Amino acid sequence: MVNKADGKLRLCGDYKVTVNPVTKANSYPLPRFEEILAALPNASHFSKLDMSQAYYQLVVDEAAQELLTINTHRGLFKVKRLAFDI
């Protein structure tokens, strides 16, 4: 448990020696700002997204839940959604 800036507590799992070393990076190149601007004149639909809680929307599958289980003094907790808080 760590303290958040607002005084609340955050439950954390440290995966640097277990899951992280065997995790495959899934990266893709982001478009440059100039490319995005060049595509705007042809666009007809726009949206605005609030990404402050975006990670909480990503469901973790059963196999990953087993790997990401957190052991605490109150028992084991399975992660059901990808947890990341800013």
Protein backbone atom coordinates (compact mmCIF):
# COMPACT_ATOMS: atom_id res chain seq x y z
CA MET A 1 0.00 0.00 0.00
CA VAL A 2 1.24 3.48 -0.84
CA ASN A 3 -0.24 6.89 -0.12
CA LYS A 4 -1.72 8.80 -3.04
CA ALA A 5 -1.42 12.59 -3.34
CA ASP A 6 -5.05 13.00 -2.23
CA GLY A 7 -4.42 11.01 0.99
CA LYS A 8 -6.12 7.80 -0.17
CA LEU A 9 -4.29 4.47 -0.28
CA ARG A 10 -3.32 2.61 -3.43
CA LEU A 11 -2.89 -1.17 -3.58
CA CYS A 12 0.23 -1.95 -5.63
CA GLY A 13 1.83 -5.06 -7.05
CA ASP A 14 5.55 -5.19 -7.81
CA TYR A 15 6.05 -7.35 -10.89
CA LYS A 16 9.62 -6.35 -11.80
CA VAL A 17 11.07 -9.79 -11.09
CA THR A 18 8.07 -11.97 -11.99
CA VAL A 19 5.83 -10.83 -14.83
CA ASN A 20 7.75 -7.91 -16.37
CA PRO A 21 10.82 -9.86 -17.59
CA VAL A 22 8.67 -12.23 -19.66
CA THR A 23 6.17 -9.66 -20.93
CA LYS A 24 6.32 -8.99 -24.65
CA ALA A 25 6.29 -5.32 -25.58
CA ASN A 26 3.48 -4.47 -28.00
CA SER A 27 4.55 -1.17 -29.51
CA TYR A 28 3.47 0.67 -32.60
CA PRO A 29 4.50 4.02 -33.99
CA LEU A 30 2.26 6.94 -33.11
CA PRO A 31 1.49 9.35 -35.96
CA ARG A 32 3.39 12.61 -35.99
CA PHE A 33 1.43 15.76 -35.19
CA GLU A 34 1.91 16.99 -38.77
CA GLU A 35 0.33 13.78 -40.12
CA ILE A 36 -2.71 14.24 -37.88
CA LEU A 37 -3.14 17.86 -38.96
CA ALA A 38 -2.85 16.90 -42.63
CA ALA A 39 -5.68 14.37 -42.23
CA LEU A 40 -8.11 16.81 -40.54
CA PRO A 41 -9.51 18.49 -43.70
CA ASN A 42 -10.92 15.12 -44.84
CA ALA A 43 -12.42 14.25 -41.43
CA SER A 44 -16.17 14.39 -40.80
CA HIS A 45 -16.47 12.89 -37.30
CA PHE A 46 -14.65 14.05 -34.17
CA SER A 47 -14.70 12.86 -30.57
CA LYS A 48 -13.23 13.84 -27.24
CA LEU A 49 -12.00 11.12 -24.86
CA ASP A 50 -11.28 11.39 -21.15
CA MET A 51 -8.33 9.06 -20.65
CA SER A 52 -7.97 9.62 -16.87
CA GLN A 53 -9.51 6.18 -16.13
CA ALA A 54 -8.60 4.46 -19.42
CA TYR A 55 -6.61 1.56 -17.93
CA TYR A 56 -9.54 0.55 -15.72
CA GLN A 57 -11.46 -0.25 -18.91
CA LEU A 58 -9.06 -3.01 -19.99
CA VAL A 59 -10.28 -6.42 -18.79
CA VAL A 60 -7.56 -8.90 -17.79
CA ASP A 61 -8.09 -12.51 -18.98
CA GLU A 62 -8.12 -15.52 -16.61
CA ALA A 63 -4.50 -16.53 -17.25
CA ALA A 64 -3.26 -12.99 -16.57
CA GLN A 65 -5.42 -12.75 -13.43
CA GLU A 66 -3.53 -15.71 -12.00
CA LEU A 67 -0.17 -14.08 -12.73
CA LEU A 68 -1.19 -10.66 -11.38
CA THR A 69 -2.71 -11.90 -8.10
CA ILE A 70 -1.60 -9.75 -5.16
CA ASN A 71 -0.87 -11.34 -1.77
CA THR A 72 -1.85 -9.11 1.19
CA HIS A 73 -2.45 -9.54 4.92
CA ARG A 74 -6.17 -9.80 4.07
CA GLY A 75 -5.70 -12.59 1.54
CA LEU A 76 -5.17 -12.93 -2.21
CA PHE A 77 -6.64 -10.38 -4.60
CA LYS A 78 -7.04 -11.16 -8.30
CA VAL A 79 -6.74 -8.27 -10.72
CA LYS A 80 -9.85 -8.18 -12.95
CA ARG A 81 -9.03 -4.97 -14.83
CA LEU A 82 -5.69 -3.44 -15.69
CA ALA A 83 -4.87 -1.16 -12.79
CA PHE A 84 -2.99 2.04 -13.41
CA ASP A 85 -3.61 5.29 -11.60
CA ILE A 86 -2.08 8.68 -12.20
